[in-house]
Structure formats: C-alpha cells, structure tokens
C-alpha cells in the first residue's frame, strides 16, 4: 500500500468527484466489435501520507451499469454476469502502488465482484493538479487495466460457427478520475 518515491500527487485525502469522472469497461462482441459500458454510480478515494505511503479504494454499484442497450444491461445485471441483486457492489482496494516515473504508477490491488476477490494490476497516470473556480484543489488521473471475467465466475458464453465467442473473456477497464482534496471543512460545492 505504499509508494517508495515522491509522487506527483500531494499528500492528503482525495475524494473522487463522480460528476466529473467516468468508470468504463469494454469487451468484444462476436469477436469483431467493441461494446462499451459505464457505471453511473461509484465512489472512491486516494490517501497520500506524509511519508509517501499511498492507498486507493473504490466502490461501484453493479446495477448502475449502462451499455446504451436496455436488454443487454438487464442481462449483464443478471446471475450470468454481475448478479447485481445478490452482489450489489464491486470493490477495489489497493495493496501496493509502485511508481514507474514521476507521473505513472502501477497499482496492485484486490477486486471483489460477485463475492469473489482476485488480484488485479492497474496502470495510472497523474495528469496534474488545479484549483477549480470554487477553491477546491483537484487532481486528474487516468487508470487502465484488463481482466478475465471468468476469474470472477462470469462464464456465460457461446461459441459461434466461426469459432469467435459471443462475448470476449477479456474485459478492458478505463477510468478518468477528477478527485478533490479534502480539508477539515470538506470540499466547496462545485457545479
């Protein structure tokens, strides 16, 4: 859970601003086209200690997924995929964050979906900090990763006549994060 070198992210607690952030995923459909989706309800934080130790945590509401196709969304929320009724949250917690250079990091953590916890490795890039018009200090982060959905029990599939799969096992993750540094008074409301 620690970074051993000075980072581009100043010390403090940074809370994800869902109104200015995106949590997205993509997978191949029929082996020929990429289908993208997003989770609309999520929260997260990054804590950077004075000693450089860093940890990250995030929670996503499974039922909030949106692929722009209602029938597919209903199927993805079902027992064959996220089983959102029984397992309403996806939770990520970092174990270690390793700097690759001043702005990029490798995040080793645990992802819990469908009641299964498995390790994942994400890559993150800090895009800088800025003070918004309401006086909040913000940081911009871009995070990427990929996983095999079968590792979490999402094994529904169908092999087509061509040999392609109905849905790829590999799922790509993409997060664009705007996080606000917390003060003892909390953040100033923003639009």
N, C-alpha and C. Protein backbone atom coordinates (compact mmCIF):
# COMPACT_ATOMS: atom_id res chain seq x y z
N UNK A 1 0.81 -1.20 0.00
CA UNK A 1 0.00 0.00 0.00
C UNK A 1 0.85 1.25 0.00
N UNK A 2 2.09 1.18 -0.39
CA UNK A 2 2.91 2.38 -0.27
C UNK A 2 3.64 2.68 -1.56
N UNK A 3 3.94 3.94 -1.70
CA UNK A 3 4.80 4.41 -2.78
C UNK A 3 6.13 4.73 -2.12
N UNK A 4 7.22 4.28 -2.72
CA UNK A 4 8.53 4.49 -2.09
C UNK A 4 9.23 5.74 -2.60
N UNK A 5 8.63 6.45 -3.51
CA UNK A 5 9.25 7.67 -4.04
C UNK A 5 8.25 8.81 -4.02
N UNK A 6 8.74 10.02 -4.12
CA UNK A 6 7.89 11.21 -4.15
C UNK A 6 6.97 11.13 -5.36
N UNK A 7 5.71 11.50 -5.20
CA UNK A 7 4.77 11.40 -6.31
C UNK A 7 4.29 12.77 -6.76
N UNK A 8 3.63 12.76 -7.91
CA UNK A 8 3.03 13.98 -8.44
C UNK A 8 1.77 14.35 -7.67
N UNK A 9 1.29 13.46 -6.83
CA UNK A 9 0.07 13.68 -6.06
C UNK A 9 0.43 14.16 -4.66
N UNK A 10 0.04 15.38 -4.30
CA UNK A 10 0.37 15.89 -2.97
C UNK A 10 -0.30 15.09 -1.86
N UNK A 11 0.25 15.21 -0.65
CA UNK A 11 -0.29 14.49 0.50
C UNK A 11 -1.72 14.94 0.78
N UNK A 12 -2.47 14.04 1.42
CA UNK A 12 -3.84 14.34 1.80
C UNK A 12 -4.79 13.26 1.33
N UNK A 13 -6.07 13.49 1.59
CA UNK A 13 -7.13 12.58 1.16
C UNK A 13 -7.83 13.21 -0.04
N UNK A 14 -7.91 12.47 -1.11
CA UNK A 14 -8.53 12.92 -2.36
C UNK A 14 -9.77 12.07 -2.61
N UNK A 15 -10.92 12.71 -2.75
CA UNK A 15 -12.18 12.00 -2.94
C UNK A 15 -12.66 12.17 -4.39
N UNK A 16 -13.03 11.06 -5.01
CA UNK A 16 -13.49 11.07 -6.41
C UNK A 16 -14.75 11.91 -6.53
N UNK A 17 -14.78 12.79 -7.53
CA UNK A 17 -15.95 13.60 -7.87
C UNK A 17 -16.69 12.89 -9.00
N UNK A 18 -17.79 12.16 -8.69
CA UNK A 18 -18.47 11.38 -9.73
C UNK A 18 -19.03 12.22 -10.87
N UNK A 19 -19.33 13.50 -10.62
CA UNK A 19 -19.86 14.35 -11.67
C UNK A 19 -18.85 14.73 -12.73
N UNK A 20 -17.57 14.53 -12.42
CA UNK A 20 -16.51 14.86 -13.37
C UNK A 20 -15.58 13.68 -13.61
N UNK A 21 -16.09 12.47 -13.40
CA UNK A 21 -15.28 11.25 -13.55
C UNK A 21 -16.09 10.20 -14.31
N UNK A 22 -15.37 9.22 -14.86
CA UNK A 22 -16.01 8.12 -15.60
C UNK A 22 -15.36 6.80 -15.21
N UNK A 23 -16.20 5.77 -15.05
CA UNK A 23 -15.73 4.40 -14.82
C UNK A 23 -16.33 3.56 -15.94
N UNK A 24 -15.48 3.11 -16.86
CA UNK A 24 -15.95 2.45 -18.07
C UNK A 24 -15.30 1.08 -18.26
N UNK A 25 -15.94 0.25 -19.06
CA UNK A 25 -15.41 -1.06 -19.41
C UNK A 25 -15.73 -1.34 -20.86
N UNK A 26 -15.00 -2.27 -21.46
CA UNK A 26 -15.29 -2.66 -22.84
C UNK A 26 -14.94 -4.13 -23.04
N UNK A 27 -15.65 -4.76 -23.96
CA UNK A 27 -15.42 -6.17 -24.31
C UNK A 27 -15.77 -6.35 -25.78
N UNK A 28 -15.22 -7.38 -26.38
CA UNK A 28 -15.54 -7.69 -27.78
C UNK A 28 -16.86 -8.46 -27.86
N UNK A 29 -17.68 -8.10 -28.82
CA UNK A 29 -18.96 -8.77 -29.11
C UNK A 29 -18.81 -9.48 -30.45
N UNK A 30 -19.07 -10.78 -30.47
CA UNK A 30 -18.96 -11.61 -31.67
C UNK A 30 -17.52 -11.68 -32.20
N UNK A 31 -16.58 -11.21 -31.40
CA UNK A 31 -15.18 -11.22 -31.79
C UNK A 31 -14.80 -10.14 -32.79
N UNK A 32 -15.75 -9.27 -33.16
CA UNK A 32 -15.46 -8.30 -34.23
C UNK A 32 -15.73 -6.85 -33.87
N UNK A 33 -16.47 -6.58 -32.80
CA UNK A 33 -16.79 -5.19 -32.48
C UNK A 33 -16.65 -4.97 -30.97
N UNK A 34 -16.21 -3.80 -30.59
CA UNK A 34 -16.05 -3.47 -29.18
C UNK A 34 -17.33 -2.84 -28.66
N UNK A 35 -17.86 -3.39 -27.57
CA UNK A 35 -19.02 -2.83 -26.89
C UNK A 35 -18.52 -2.18 -25.61
N UNK A 36 -18.94 -0.94 -25.39
CA UNK A 36 -18.50 -0.19 -24.22
C UNK A 36 -19.66 0.03 -23.26
N UNK A 37 -19.31 0.12 -22.00
CA UNK A 37 -20.30 0.40 -20.98
C UNK A 37 -19.69 1.27 -19.90
N UNK A 38 -20.55 1.79 -19.04
CA UNK A 38 -20.09 2.64 -17.94
C UNK A 38 -20.93 2.34 -16.71
N UNK A 39 -20.34 2.58 -15.56
CA UNK A 39 -21.08 2.54 -14.31
C UNK A 39 -21.40 3.98 -13.94
N UNK A 40 -22.66 4.23 -13.59
CA UNK A 40 -23.11 5.60 -13.31
C UNK A 40 -23.01 5.96 -11.83
N UNK A 41 -22.93 4.96 -10.94
CA UNK A 41 -22.85 5.22 -9.50
C UNK A 41 -21.58 4.59 -8.94
N UNK A 42 -20.69 5.44 -8.42
CA UNK A 42 -19.42 4.97 -7.87
C UNK A 42 -18.87 6.02 -6.92
N UNK A 43 -17.91 5.59 -6.11
CA UNK A 43 -17.20 6.49 -5.22
C UNK A 43 -15.81 5.94 -5.02
N UNK A 44 -14.91 6.79 -4.56
CA UNK A 44 -13.55 6.33 -4.34
C UNK A 44 -12.71 7.39 -3.67
N UNK A 45 -11.53 6.97 -3.25
CA UNK A 45 -10.60 7.90 -2.61
C UNK A 45 -9.17 7.42 -2.79
N UNK A 46 -8.27 8.37 -2.70
CA UNK A 46 -6.83 8.11 -2.68
C UNK A 46 -6.28 8.86 -1.49
N UNK A 47 -5.50 8.16 -0.66
CA UNK A 47 -4.88 8.78 0.51
C UNK A 47 -3.38 8.74 0.34
N UNK A 48 -2.74 9.92 0.44
CA UNK A 48 -1.29 10.02 0.34
C UNK A 48 -0.78 10.55 1.67
N UNK A 49 0.03 9.75 2.36
CA UNK A 49 0.57 10.13 3.66
C UNK A 49 1.81 11.00 3.53
N UNK A 50 2.16 11.65 4.62
CA UNK A 50 3.37 12.49 4.65
C UNK A 50 4.62 11.69 4.33
N UNK A 51 4.60 10.39 4.63
CA UNK A 51 5.75 9.52 4.38
C UNK A 51 5.76 8.96 2.95
N UNK A 52 4.78 9.38 2.12
CA UNK A 52 4.70 8.89 0.75
C UNK A 52 3.85 7.65 0.59
N UNK A 53 3.40 7.06 1.71
CA UNK A 53 2.53 5.89 1.61
C UNK A 53 1.22 6.28 0.95
N UNK A 54 0.73 5.42 0.09
CA UNK A 54 -0.47 5.74 -0.68
C UNK A 54 -1.38 4.53 -0.74
N UNK A 55 -2.67 4.78 -0.63
CA UNK A 55 -3.64 3.71 -0.83
C UNK A 55 -4.84 4.27 -1.57
N UNK A 56 -5.48 3.37 -2.32
CA UNK A 56 -6.64 3.76 -3.13
C UNK A 56 -7.75 2.76 -2.87
N UNK A 57 -8.98 3.26 -2.93
CA UNK A 57 -10.16 2.41 -2.73
C UNK A 57 -11.28 2.94 -3.60
N UNK A 58 -12.09 2.03 -4.14
CA UNK A 58 -13.23 2.44 -4.94
C UNK A 58 -14.36 1.44 -4.83
N UNK A 59 -15.58 1.94 -4.96
CA UNK A 59 -16.78 1.11 -4.93
C UNK A 59 -17.68 1.51 -6.09
N UNK A 60 -18.22 0.50 -6.77
CA UNK A 60 -19.11 0.71 -7.91
C UNK A 60 -20.41 -0.04 -7.64
N UNK A 61 -21.53 0.58 -7.97
CA UNK A 61 -22.83 -0.09 -7.84
C UNK A 61 -23.10 -0.87 -9.14
N UNK A 62 -23.17 -2.20 -9.03
CA UNK A 62 -23.31 -3.05 -10.21
C UNK A 62 -24.57 -2.73 -11.01
N UNK A 63 -25.67 -2.42 -10.34
CA UNK A 63 -26.93 -2.16 -11.05
C UNK A 63 -26.90 -0.86 -11.85
N UNK A 64 -25.88 -0.02 -11.63
CA UNK A 64 -25.82 1.26 -12.34
C UNK A 64 -25.16 1.15 -13.70
N UNK A 65 -24.82 -0.07 -14.15
CA UNK A 65 -24.15 -0.20 -15.45
C UNK A 65 -25.08 0.23 -16.58
N UNK A 66 -24.46 0.77 -17.62
CA UNK A 66 -25.20 1.28 -18.77
C UNK A 66 -24.36 1.05 -20.03
N UNK A 67 -24.89 0.22 -20.96
CA UNK A 67 -24.21 -0.01 -22.23
C UNK A 67 -24.99 0.60 -23.39
N UNK A 68 -25.99 1.40 -23.06
CA UNK A 68 -26.83 2.05 -24.06
C UNK A 68 -27.75 1.06 -24.79
N UNK A 69 -28.03 -0.07 -24.15
CA UNK A 69 -28.93 -1.08 -24.73
C UNK A 69 -29.61 -1.80 -23.56
N UNK A 70 -30.88 -1.51 -23.33
CA UNK A 70 -31.59 -1.97 -22.13
C UNK A 70 -31.60 -3.49 -21.98
N UNK A 71 -31.83 -4.23 -23.05
CA UNK A 71 -31.87 -5.69 -22.96
C UNK A 71 -30.52 -6.23 -22.53
N UNK A 72 -29.44 -5.71 -23.11
CA UNK A 72 -28.08 -6.15 -22.73
C UNK A 72 -27.79 -5.78 -21.28
N UNK A 73 -28.20 -4.57 -20.86
CA UNK A 73 -27.97 -4.14 -19.48
C UNK A 73 -28.67 -5.08 -18.49
N UNK A 74 -29.90 -5.47 -18.80
CA UNK A 74 -30.64 -6.40 -17.94
C UNK A 74 -29.91 -7.73 -17.85
N UNK A 75 -29.40 -8.22 -18.99
CA UNK A 75 -28.65 -9.48 -18.99
C UNK A 75 -27.37 -9.35 -18.17
N UNK A 76 -26.65 -8.23 -18.32
CA UNK A 76 -25.41 -8.04 -17.57
C UNK A 76 -25.65 -7.95 -16.06
N UNK A 77 -26.81 -7.45 -15.66
CA UNK A 77 -27.13 -7.38 -14.23
C UNK A 77 -27.56 -8.73 -13.67
N UNK A 78 -27.86 -9.69 -14.54
CA UNK A 78 -28.41 -10.98 -14.12
C UNK A 78 -27.33 -11.89 -13.51
N UNK A 79 -27.78 -13.06 -13.07
CA UNK A 79 -26.90 -14.04 -12.43
C UNK A 79 -25.78 -14.50 -13.36
N UNK A 80 -25.99 -14.46 -14.67
CA UNK A 80 -24.96 -14.91 -15.61
C UNK A 80 -23.76 -13.98 -15.68
N UNK A 81 -23.93 -12.74 -15.22
CA UNK A 81 -22.82 -11.79 -15.23
C UNK A 81 -22.62 -11.21 -13.82
N UNK A 82 -23.02 -9.97 -13.58
CA UNK A 82 -22.72 -9.31 -12.31
C UNK A 82 -23.55 -9.82 -11.12
N UNK A 83 -24.70 -10.43 -11.39
CA UNK A 83 -25.60 -10.90 -10.32
C UNK A 83 -25.83 -9.76 -9.31
N UNK A 84 -26.23 -8.62 -9.87
CA UNK A 84 -26.31 -7.36 -9.11
C UNK A 84 -27.27 -7.43 -7.92
N UNK A 85 -28.32 -8.24 -8.02
CA UNK A 85 -29.28 -8.31 -6.93
C UNK A 85 -28.66 -8.92 -5.67
N UNK A 86 -27.79 -9.91 -5.86
CA UNK A 86 -27.13 -10.58 -4.74
C UNK A 86 -25.81 -9.91 -4.37
N UNK A 87 -25.09 -9.41 -5.37
CA UNK A 87 -23.78 -8.77 -5.17
C UNK A 87 -23.83 -7.34 -5.72
N UNK A 88 -24.43 -6.42 -4.97
CA UNK A 88 -24.69 -5.09 -5.49
C UNK A 88 -23.45 -4.21 -5.71
N UNK A 89 -22.33 -4.54 -5.07
CA UNK A 89 -21.15 -3.67 -5.19
C UNK A 89 -19.95 -4.41 -5.74
N UNK A 90 -19.16 -3.68 -6.50
CA UNK A 90 -17.82 -4.09 -6.89
C UNK A 90 -16.89 -3.23 -6.05
N UNK A 91 -15.88 -3.83 -5.43
CA UNK A 91 -14.99 -3.09 -4.54
C UNK A 91 -13.54 -3.33 -4.94
N UNK A 92 -12.78 -2.25 -5.04
CA UNK A 92 -11.34 -2.34 -5.30
C UNK A 92 -10.59 -1.73 -4.12
N UNK A 93 -9.55 -2.42 -3.65
CA UNK A 93 -8.67 -1.89 -2.61
C UNK A 93 -7.24 -2.15 -3.01
N UNK A 94 -6.41 -1.11 -2.98
CA UNK A 94 -5.01 -1.27 -3.35
C UNK A 94 -4.25 -1.99 -2.25
N UNK A 95 -3.24 -2.75 -2.64
CA UNK A 95 -2.30 -3.37 -1.71
C UNK A 95 -0.95 -2.68 -1.79
N UNK A 96 -0.58 -2.28 -3.01
CA UNK A 96 0.71 -1.61 -3.21
C UNK A 96 0.60 -0.72 -4.45
N UNK A 97 1.20 0.45 -4.37
CA UNK A 97 1.26 1.36 -5.51
C UNK A 97 2.72 1.66 -5.78
N UNK A 98 3.18 1.27 -6.97
CA UNK A 98 4.60 1.39 -7.33
C UNK A 98 4.78 2.50 -8.36
N UNK A 99 5.66 3.45 -8.09
CA UNK A 99 5.93 4.48 -9.10
C UNK A 99 6.77 3.90 -10.24
N UNK A 100 6.39 4.25 -11.47
CA UNK A 100 7.18 3.89 -12.63
C UNK A 100 8.04 5.07 -13.07
N UNK A 101 7.52 6.26 -12.91
CA UNK A 101 8.26 7.51 -13.07
C UNK A 101 7.49 8.56 -12.28
N UNK A 102 7.75 9.84 -12.52
CA UNK A 102 7.14 10.89 -11.70
C UNK A 102 5.61 10.92 -11.78
N UNK A 103 5.05 10.55 -12.94
CA UNK A 103 3.61 10.69 -13.15
C UNK A 103 2.86 9.39 -13.34
N UNK A 104 3.54 8.25 -13.51
CA UNK A 104 2.85 7.00 -13.78
C UNK A 104 3.13 5.97 -12.69
N UNK A 105 2.13 5.14 -12.44
CA UNK A 105 2.19 4.20 -11.33
C UNK A 105 1.56 2.87 -11.73
N UNK A 106 2.00 1.83 -11.07
CA UNK A 106 1.39 0.51 -11.19
C UNK A 106 0.70 0.23 -9.87
N UNK A 107 -0.60 -0.07 -9.94
CA UNK A 107 -1.39 -0.29 -8.73
C UNK A 107 -1.73 -1.77 -8.63
N UNK A 108 -1.25 -2.40 -7.56
CA UNK A 108 -1.58 -3.79 -7.27
C UNK A 108 -2.68 -3.78 -6.22
N UNK A 109 -3.79 -4.47 -6.51
CA UNK A 109 -4.88 -4.45 -5.56
C UNK A 109 -5.78 -5.65 -5.70
N UNK A 110 -6.85 -5.64 -4.95
CA UNK A 110 -7.84 -6.71 -4.96
C UNK A 110 -9.17 -6.16 -5.43
N UNK A 111 -9.79 -6.87 -6.36
CA UNK A 111 -11.10 -6.51 -6.88
C UNK A 111 -12.09 -7.58 -6.46
N UNK A 112 -13.17 -7.15 -5.82
CA UNK A 112 -14.22 -8.07 -5.41
C UNK A 112 -15.45 -7.84 -6.28
N UNK A 113 -15.86 -8.91 -6.99
CA UNK A 113 -17.09 -8.92 -7.79
C UNK A 113 -17.77 -10.25 -7.55
N UNK A 114 -19.10 -10.24 -7.50
CA UNK A 114 -19.86 -11.47 -7.35
C UNK A 114 -19.40 -12.28 -6.13
N UNK A 115 -18.90 -11.61 -5.10
CA UNK A 115 -18.45 -12.29 -3.89
C UNK A 115 -17.09 -12.94 -4.02
N UNK A 116 -16.39 -12.73 -5.14
CA UNK A 116 -15.07 -13.30 -5.38
C UNK A 116 -14.05 -12.18 -5.36
N UNK A 117 -12.96 -12.37 -4.61
CA UNK A 117 -11.89 -11.38 -4.54
C UNK A 117 -10.66 -11.95 -5.25
N UNK A 118 -10.16 -11.21 -6.23
CA UNK A 118 -9.00 -11.64 -7.01
C UNK A 118 -8.06 -10.45 -7.19
N UNK A 119 -6.76 -10.72 -7.36
CA UNK A 119 -5.81 -9.63 -7.58
C UNK A 119 -5.93 -9.06 -8.99
N UNK A 120 -5.70 -7.76 -9.11
CA UNK A 120 -5.62 -7.09 -10.41
C UNK A 120 -4.46 -6.09 -10.36
N UNK A 121 -3.95 -5.78 -11.53
CA UNK A 121 -2.91 -4.77 -11.66
C UNK A 121 -3.43 -3.70 -12.61
N UNK A 122 -3.39 -2.46 -12.16
CA UNK A 122 -3.84 -1.32 -12.95
C UNK A 122 -2.67 -0.39 -13.21
N UNK A 123 -2.75 0.36 -14.28
CA UNK A 123 -1.75 1.41 -14.53
C UNK A 123 -2.45 2.75 -14.38
N UNK A 124 -1.76 3.70 -13.77
CA UNK A 124 -2.36 5.02 -13.52
C UNK A 124 -1.39 6.11 -13.93
N UNK A 125 -1.94 7.18 -14.45
CA UNK A 125 -1.15 8.36 -14.80
C UNK A 125 -1.79 9.58 -14.16
N UNK A 126 -0.98 10.37 -13.46
CA UNK A 126 -1.44 11.61 -12.85
C UNK A 126 -1.30 12.71 -13.90
N UNK A 127 -2.41 13.42 -14.18
CA UNK A 127 -2.40 14.47 -15.20
C UNK A 127 -2.20 15.86 -14.61
N UNK A 128 -2.02 15.94 -13.30
CA UNK A 128 -1.74 17.22 -12.68
C UNK A 128 -2.81 17.64 -11.68
N UNK A 129 -2.54 18.76 -11.03
CA UNK A 129 -3.48 19.33 -10.07
C UNK A 129 -3.87 20.73 -10.51
N UNK A 130 -5.02 21.19 -10.03
CA UNK A 130 -5.52 22.52 -10.38
C UNK A 130 -6.50 22.96 -9.31
N UNK A 131 -6.63 24.27 -9.13
CA UNK A 131 -7.64 24.83 -8.24
C UNK A 131 -8.85 25.20 -9.09
N UNK A 132 -10.02 24.64 -8.76
CA UNK A 132 -11.21 24.94 -9.54
C UNK A 132 -11.80 26.30 -9.12
N UNK A 133 -12.80 26.80 -9.84
CA UNK A 133 -13.36 28.13 -9.53
C UNK A 133 -13.99 28.25 -8.14
N UNK A 134 -14.22 27.11 -7.46
CA UNK A 134 -14.82 27.15 -6.12
C UNK A 134 -13.79 26.98 -5.02
N UNK A 135 -12.50 26.99 -5.41
CA UNK A 135 -11.43 26.91 -4.42
C UNK A 135 -11.00 25.51 -4.05
N UNK A 136 -11.53 24.48 -4.73
CA UNK A 136 -11.14 23.10 -4.46
C UNK A 136 -9.86 22.75 -5.20
N UNK A 137 -8.93 22.08 -4.51
CA UNK A 137 -7.76 21.55 -5.19
C UNK A 137 -8.15 20.20 -5.78
N UNK A 138 -7.92 20.03 -7.08
CA UNK A 138 -8.30 18.81 -7.79
C UNK A 138 -7.07 18.14 -8.40
N UNK A 139 -7.19 16.84 -8.59
CA UNK A 139 -6.18 16.09 -9.32
C UNK A 139 -6.88 15.30 -10.41
N UNK A 140 -6.23 15.17 -11.55
CA UNK A 140 -6.75 14.37 -12.64
C UNK A 140 -5.93 13.10 -12.80
N UNK A 141 -6.62 11.97 -12.88
CA UNK A 141 -5.97 10.66 -13.02
C UNK A 141 -6.62 9.88 -14.15
N UNK A 142 -5.81 9.12 -14.85
CA UNK A 142 -6.31 8.19 -15.86
C UNK A 142 -5.81 6.81 -15.47
N UNK A 143 -6.73 5.84 -15.37
CA UNK A 143 -6.40 4.50 -14.91
C UNK A 143 -6.87 3.48 -15.94
N UNK A 144 -6.01 2.48 -16.24
CA UNK A 144 -6.36 1.44 -17.20
C UNK A 144 -6.00 0.07 -16.65
N UNK A 145 -6.70 -0.94 -17.12
CA UNK A 145 -6.40 -2.31 -16.75
C UNK A 145 -7.23 -3.26 -17.59
N UNK A 146 -7.00 -4.55 -17.37
CA UNK A 146 -7.84 -5.54 -18.01
C UNK A 146 -7.91 -6.76 -17.11
N UNK A 147 -8.98 -7.52 -17.31
CA UNK A 147 -9.18 -8.71 -16.50
C UNK A 147 -9.88 -9.77 -17.34
N UNK A 148 -9.86 -10.99 -16.82
CA UNK A 148 -10.59 -12.09 -17.42
C UNK A 148 -11.84 -12.29 -16.58
N UNK A 149 -13.00 -12.01 -17.14
CA UNK A 149 -14.25 -12.04 -16.37
C UNK A 149 -14.54 -13.41 -15.78
N UNK A 150 -14.05 -14.48 -16.38
CA UNK A 150 -14.25 -15.82 -15.87
C UNK A 150 -13.61 -16.03 -14.51
N UNK A 151 -12.57 -15.26 -14.19
CA UNK A 151 -11.92 -15.35 -12.87
C UNK A 151 -12.88 -14.97 -11.75
N UNK A 152 -13.95 -14.25 -12.09
CA UNK A 152 -14.96 -13.85 -11.10
C UNK A 152 -16.27 -14.61 -11.31
N UNK A 153 -16.23 -15.70 -12.02
CA UNK A 153 -17.41 -16.54 -12.19
C UNK A 153 -18.35 -16.10 -13.29
N UNK A 154 -17.93 -15.18 -14.15
CA UNK A 154 -18.77 -14.75 -15.28
C UNK A 154 -18.40 -15.59 -16.49
N UNK A 155 -18.97 -16.77 -16.58
CA UNK A 155 -18.57 -17.71 -17.61
C UNK A 155 -19.57 -17.86 -18.76
N UNK A 156 -20.68 -17.14 -18.70
CA UNK A 156 -21.66 -17.22 -19.80
C UNK A 156 -20.97 -16.93 -21.12
N UNK A 157 -21.24 -17.76 -22.12
CA UNK A 157 -20.71 -17.52 -23.46
C UNK A 157 -21.35 -18.48 -24.45
N UNK A 158 -21.05 -18.25 -25.70
CA UNK A 158 -21.50 -19.11 -26.78
C UNK A 158 -20.44 -19.03 -27.86
N UNK A 159 -20.00 -20.19 -28.37
CA UNK A 159 -19.03 -20.20 -29.46
C UNK A 159 -19.80 -20.19 -30.77
N UNK A 160 -19.43 -19.26 -31.64
CA UNK A 160 -20.12 -19.10 -32.92
C UNK A 160 -19.54 -20.04 -33.97
N UNK A 161 -20.19 -20.17 -35.09
CA UNK A 161 -19.74 -21.07 -36.16
C UNK A 161 -18.33 -20.73 -36.62
N UNK A 162 -17.97 -19.47 -36.57
CA UNK A 162 -16.63 -19.04 -37.00
C UNK A 162 -15.56 -19.40 -35.98
N UNK A 163 -15.97 -19.76 -34.76
CA UNK A 163 -15.02 -20.00 -33.68
C UNK A 163 -14.91 -18.82 -32.73
N UNK A 164 -15.41 -17.66 -33.17
CA UNK A 164 -15.42 -16.49 -32.28
C UNK A 164 -16.40 -16.73 -31.13
N UNK A 165 -16.16 -16.00 -30.04
CA UNK A 165 -17.06 -16.09 -28.89
C UNK A 165 -18.08 -14.96 -28.94
N UNK A 166 -19.27 -15.25 -28.41
CA UNK A 166 -20.34 -14.26 -28.33
C UNK A 166 -19.86 -13.03 -27.56
N UNK A 167 -19.18 -13.25 -26.42
CA UNK A 167 -18.61 -12.17 -25.60
C UNK A 167 -17.18 -12.56 -25.24
N UNK A 168 -16.25 -11.63 -25.40
CA UNK A 168 -14.86 -11.94 -25.06
C UNK A 168 -14.71 -12.18 -23.56
N UNK A 169 -13.73 -13.02 -23.23
CA UNK A 169 -13.41 -13.25 -21.83
C UNK A 169 -12.66 -12.03 -21.27
N UNK A 170 -11.86 -11.39 -22.12
CA UNK A 170 -11.07 -10.24 -21.69
C UNK A 170 -11.95 -8.98 -21.65
N UNK A 171 -11.87 -8.27 -20.54
CA UNK A 171 -12.60 -7.01 -20.36
C UNK A 171 -11.58 -5.93 -20.03
N UNK A 172 -11.66 -4.82 -20.75
CA UNK A 172 -10.76 -3.69 -20.50
C UNK A 172 -11.45 -2.69 -19.59
N UNK A 173 -10.68 -2.10 -18.68
CA UNK A 173 -11.17 -1.10 -17.75
C UNK A 173 -10.53 0.24 -18.08
N UNK A 174 -11.30 1.31 -17.95
CA UNK A 174 -10.80 2.66 -18.20
C UNK A 174 -11.50 3.63 -17.26
N UNK A 175 -10.71 4.32 -16.46
CA UNK A 175 -11.26 5.29 -15.51
C UNK A 175 -10.61 6.65 -15.75
N UNK A 176 -11.42 7.67 -15.88
CA UNK A 176 -10.96 9.06 -15.92
C UNK A 176 -11.47 9.67 -14.64
N UNK A 177 -10.55 10.08 -13.77
CA UNK A 177 -10.91 10.49 -12.42
C UNK A 177 -10.53 11.94 -12.16
N UNK A 178 -11.48 12.69 -11.63
CA UNK A 178 -11.23 14.00 -11.05
C UNK A 178 -11.51 13.84 -9.56
N UNK A 179 -10.49 14.09 -8.74
CA UNK A 179 -10.65 13.92 -7.30
C UNK A 179 -10.35 15.24 -6.59
N UNK A 180 -11.09 15.49 -5.53
CA UNK A 180 -10.98 16.74 -4.77
C UNK A 180 -10.27 16.47 -3.46
N UNK A 181 -9.29 17.33 -3.17
CA UNK A 181 -8.56 17.20 -1.90
C UNK A 181 -9.47 17.65 -0.77
N UNK A 182 -9.57 16.81 0.25
CA UNK A 182 -10.43 17.11 1.40
C UNK A 182 -9.69 17.97 2.41
N UNK A 183 -10.41 18.91 2.96
CA UNK A 183 -9.87 19.72 4.06
C UNK A 183 -10.72 19.42 5.28
N UNK A 184 -10.37 19.99 6.39
CA UNK A 184 -11.14 19.75 7.62
C UNK A 184 -12.57 20.26 7.46
N UNK A 185 -12.79 21.24 6.58
CA UNK A 185 -14.13 21.77 6.34
C UNK A 185 -14.86 21.02 5.22
N UNK A 186 -14.13 20.17 4.48
CA UNK A 186 -14.73 19.47 3.34
C UNK A 186 -14.63 20.32 2.09
N UNK A 187 -15.02 19.74 0.94
CA UNK A 187 -14.90 20.48 -0.33
C UNK A 187 -15.96 21.57 -0.45
N UNK A 188 -15.64 22.56 -1.26
CA UNK A 188 -16.60 23.60 -1.59
C UNK A 188 -17.50 23.03 -2.69
N UNK A 189 -18.83 23.19 -2.62
CA UNK A 189 -19.72 22.66 -3.65
C UNK A 189 -19.33 23.18 -5.03
N UNK A 190 -19.34 22.28 -6.01
CA UNK A 190 -18.97 22.64 -7.37
C UNK A 190 -20.08 22.26 -8.31
N UNK A 191 -20.08 22.86 -9.47
CA UNK A 191 -21.09 22.56 -10.50
C UNK A 191 -20.56 21.54 -11.46
